[in-house]
Amino acid sequence: LPEWKMEYTIANGSGGLPSVRPEPGNTVWGAVFTVPAAGLAKIDAAEASEGRVRTATQAMDREGKRHDVVTHVGNRKPRSSLTPEPRYVRSMVVGGRHWKLPAGWVAALEEHLD
């Protein structure tokens, strides 16, 4: 997500969960999937349980082509940044490696595990 920033602003019992917000000069890396409507409804419910709502935006692939996508953004007033929840960060690191996201992005996630 070009011009978006990830922050850990959603309180969880063992740390902060991530959300994203528009912010010039930042990029959030991830993977984009095609999801059937029934599956998206299940994702919406899971994300809502963590305090996020569906938001339409555009992602950019490595070749610079833009794609209309949805992401889920914290729906409450953002808190100050919290200590990231380790289990959630570990899953993002595993996913980042699996999808071959930029090494610098994955390394920055891993810094939260030390």
C-alpha atoms as a PDB file:
ATOM      1  CA  LEU A   1       0.000   0.000   0.000  1.00  0.00           C
ATOM      2  CA  PRO A   2       1.894   3.064  -1.169  1.00  0.00           C
ATOM      3  CA  GLU A   3       1.427   6.150   0.977  1.00  0.00           C
ATOM      4  CA  TRP A   4       0.108   4.079   3.919  1.00  0.00           C
ATOM      5  CA  LYS A   5       1.715   3.374   7.293  1.00  0.00           C
ATOM      6  CA  MET A   6       1.310   0.404   9.627  1.00  0.00           C
ATOM      7  CA  GLU A   7       1.031   1.043  13.358  1.00  0.00           C
ATOM      8  CA  TYR A   8       0.251  -1.108  16.390  1.00  0.00           C
ATOM      9  CA  THR A   9      -2.675   0.843  17.796  1.00  0.00           C
ATOM     10  CA  ILE A  10      -5.332  -1.782  18.579  1.00  0.00           C
ATOM     11  CA  ALA A  11      -5.120  -2.962  22.171  1.00  0.00           C
ATOM     12  CA  ASN A  12      -5.011  -6.721  22.696  1.00  0.00           C
ATOM     13  CA  GLY A  13      -4.390  -8.640  25.901  1.00  0.00           C
ATOM     14  CA  SER A  14      -0.719  -9.294  25.120  1.00  0.00           C
ATOM     15  CA  GLY A  15       0.202  -6.255  23.017  1.00  0.00           C
ATOM     16  CA  GLY A  16      -0.919  -4.097  20.136  1.00  0.00           C
ATOM     17  CA  LEU A  17      -2.409  -5.359  16.901  1.00  0.00           C
ATOM     18  CA  PRO A  18      -1.597  -3.611  13.627  1.00  0.00           C
ATOM     19  CA  SER A  19      -3.702  -1.185  11.685  1.00  0.00           C
ATOM     20  CA  VAL A  20      -2.880   0.982   8.701  1.00  0.00           C
ATOM     21  CA  ARG A  21      -3.569   4.589   7.866  1.00  0.00           C
ATOM     22  CA  PRO A  22      -2.785   6.853   4.926  1.00  0.00           C
ATOM     23  CA  GLU A  23       0.542   8.622   5.400  1.00  0.00           C
ATOM     24  CA  PRO A  24       2.685  10.103   2.616  1.00  0.00           C
ATOM     25  CA  GLY A  25       6.194   8.751   2.316  1.00  0.00           C
ATOM     26  CA  ASN A  26       5.403   5.323   3.768  1.00  0.00           C
ATOM     27  CA  THR A  27       4.647   1.903   2.300  1.00  0.00           C
ATOM     28  CA  VAL A  28       2.968  -1.148   3.794  1.00  0.00           C
ATOM     29  CA  TRP A  29       3.941  -4.441   2.147  1.00  0.00           C
ATOM     30  CA  GLY A  30       1.669  -7.467   1.941  1.00  0.00           C
ATOM     31  CA  ALA A  31      -0.049  -9.896  -0.390  1.00  0.00           C
ATOM     32  CA  VAL A  32      -3.259  -9.432  -2.384  1.00  0.00           C
ATOM     33  CA  PHE A  33      -5.767 -12.245  -2.812  1.00  0.00           C
ATOM     34  CA  THR A  34      -9.007 -12.728  -4.703  1.00  0.00           C
ATOM     35  CA  VAL A  35     -11.648 -13.657  -2.129  1.00  0.00           C
ATOM     36  CA  PRO A  36     -15.250 -14.740  -2.860  1.00  0.00           C
ATOM     37  CA  ALA A  37     -17.982 -12.590  -1.290  1.00  0.00           C
ATOM     38  CA  ALA A  38     -18.829 -15.227   1.344  1.00  0.00           C
ATOM     39  CA  GLY A  39     -15.178 -15.422   2.341  1.00  0.00           C
ATOM     40  CA  LEU A  40     -14.891 -11.650   2.514  1.00  0.00           C
ATOM     41  CA  ALA A  41     -17.869 -11.526   4.880  1.00  0.00           C
ATOM     42  CA  LYS A  42     -16.024 -13.952   7.196  1.00  0.00           C
ATOM     43  CA  ILE A  43     -12.860 -11.855   6.997  1.00  0.00           C
ATOM     44  CA  ASP A  44     -14.898  -8.711   7.751  1.00  0.00           C
ATOM     45  CA  ALA A  45     -16.299 -10.386  10.877  1.00  0.00           C
ATOM     46  CA  ALA A  46     -12.870 -11.521  12.080  1.00  0.00           C
ATOM     47  CA  GLU A  47     -11.356  -8.094  11.450  1.00  0.00           C
ATOM     48  CA  ALA A  48     -14.285  -6.365  13.191  1.00  0.00           C
ATOM     49  CA  SER A  49     -13.627  -8.501  16.272  1.00  0.00           C
ATOM     50  CA  GLU A  50     -10.154  -6.922  16.377  1.00  0.00           C
ATOM     51  CA  GLY A  51     -11.490  -3.390  15.842  1.00  0.00           C
ATOM     52  CA  ARG A  52     -11.079  -2.942  12.076  1.00  0.00           C
ATOM     53  CA  VAL A  53     -13.484  -2.097   9.233  1.00  0.00           C
ATOM     54  CA  ARG A  54     -13.217  -2.722   5.496  1.00  0.00           C
ATOM     55  CA  THR A  55     -11.728   0.180   3.530  1.00  0.00           C
ATOM     56  CA  ALA A  56     -11.287   0.462  -0.247  1.00  0.00           C
ATOM     57  CA  THR A  57      -7.935   1.686  -1.538  1.00  0.00           C
ATOM     58  CA  GLN A  58      -5.330   0.881  -4.175  1.00  0.00           C
ATOM     59  CA  ALA A  59      -2.299  -1.357  -3.876  1.00  0.00           C
ATOM     60  CA  MET A  60       0.681  -1.259  -6.196  1.00  0.00           C
ATOM     61  CA  ASP A  61       2.524  -4.341  -7.420  1.00  0.00           C
ATOM     62  CA  ARG A  62       6.269  -4.578  -7.873  1.00  0.00           C
ATOM     63  CA  GLU A  63       5.954  -3.442 -11.505  1.00  0.00           C
ATOM     64  CA  GLY A  64       4.119  -0.262 -10.458  1.00  0.00           C
ATOM     65  CA  LYS A  65       0.638  -1.317 -11.621  1.00  0.00           C
ATOM     66  CA  ARG A  66      -2.200  -0.218  -9.337  1.00  0.00           C
ATOM     67  CA  HIS A  67      -4.967  -2.570  -8.215  1.00  0.00           C
ATOM     68  CA  ASP A  68      -8.252  -1.768  -6.472  1.00  0.00           C
ATOM     69  CA  VAL A  69      -8.235  -3.638  -3.149  1.00  0.00           C
ATOM     70  CA  VAL A  70      -9.843  -3.641   0.252  1.00  0.00           C
ATOM     71  CA  THR A  71      -7.955  -3.581   3.508  1.00  0.00           C
ATOM     72  CA  HIS A  72      -9.137  -3.382   7.089  1.00  0.00           C
ATOM     73  CA  VAL A  73      -8.420  -0.273   9.138  1.00  0.00           C
ATOM     74  CA  GLY A  74      -8.825   0.351  12.862  1.00  0.00           C
ATOM     75  CA  ASN A  75     -12.282   1.874  13.386  1.00  0.00           C
ATOM     76  CA  ARG A  76     -11.597   3.460  16.737  1.00  0.00           C
ATOM     77  CA  LYS A  77      -9.678   6.605  17.504  1.00  0.00           C
ATOM     78  CA  PRO A  78      -6.048   5.493  17.173  1.00  0.00           C
ATOM     79  CA  ARG A  79      -4.187   5.037  20.415  1.00  0.00           C
ATOM     80  CA  SER A  80      -0.560   5.881  20.708  1.00  0.00           C
ATOM     81  CA  SER A  81       1.611   3.113  19.365  1.00  0.00           C
ATOM     82  CA  LEU A  82       1.545  -0.008  21.546  1.00  0.00           C
ATOM     83  CA  THR A  83       4.112  -2.766  21.950  1.00  0.00           C
ATOM     84  CA  PRO A  84       3.350  -5.192  19.096  1.00  0.00           C
ATOM     85  CA  GLU A  85       1.713  -8.504  20.044  1.00  0.00           C
ATOM     86  CA  PRO A  86       4.507 -11.077  19.422  1.00  0.00           C
ATOM     87  CA  ARG A  87       2.347 -13.939  18.087  1.00  0.00           C
ATOM     88  CA  TYR A  88       0.724 -11.654  15.514  1.00  0.00           C
ATOM     89  CA  VAL A  89       4.105 -10.261  14.442  1.00  0.00           C
ATOM     90  CA  ARG A  90       5.502 -13.798  14.076  1.00  0.00           C
ATOM     91  CA  SER A  91       2.652 -14.647  11.699  1.00  0.00           C
ATOM     92  CA  MET A  92       3.419 -11.514   9.640  1.00  0.00           C
ATOM     93  CA  VAL A  93       7.108 -12.493   9.480  1.00  0.00           C
ATOM     94  CA  VAL A  94       6.236 -16.013   8.302  1.00  0.00           C
ATOM     95  CA  GLY A  95       3.850 -14.587   5.693  1.00  0.00           C
ATOM     96  CA  GLY A  96       6.386 -11.986   4.591  1.00  0.00           C
ATOM     97  CA  ARG A  97       8.989 -14.670   3.992  1.00  0.00           C
ATOM     98  CA  HIS A  98       6.510 -16.960   2.249  1.00  0.00           C
ATOM     99  CA  TRP A  99       5.391 -14.233  -0.180  1.00  0.00           C
ATOM    100  CA  LYS A 100       8.983 -13.005  -0.630  1.00  0.00           C
ATOM    101  CA  LEU A 101       8.261  -9.484   0.578  1.00  0.00           C
ATOM    102  CA  PRO A 102      11.251  -7.124   0.698  1.00  0.00           C
ATOM    103  CA  ALA A 103      13.880  -8.307   3.151  1.00  0.00           C
ATOM    104  CA  GLY A 104      13.997  -4.873   4.806  1.00  0.00           C
ATOM    105  CA  TRP A 105      10.246  -5.022   5.533  1.00  0.00           C
ATOM    106  CA  VAL A 106      10.514  -8.485   7.079  1.00  0.00           C
ATOM    107  CA  ALA A 107      13.600  -7.471   9.071  1.00  0.00           C
ATOM    108  CA  ALA A 108      11.750  -4.437  10.450  1.00  0.00           C
ATOM    109  CA  LEU A 109       8.955  -6.736  11.612  1.00  0.00           C
ATOM    110  CA  GLU A 110      11.482  -9.078  13.234  1.00  0.00           C
ATOM    111  CA  GLU A 111      12.917  -6.192  15.255  1.00  0.00           C
ATOM    112  CA  HIS A 112       9.703  -6.259  17.274  1.00  0.00           C
ATOM    113  CA  LEU A 113      10.479  -9.841  18.341  1.00  0.00           C
ATOM    114  CA  ASP A 114      13.858  -9.164  19.964  1.00  0.00           C
END
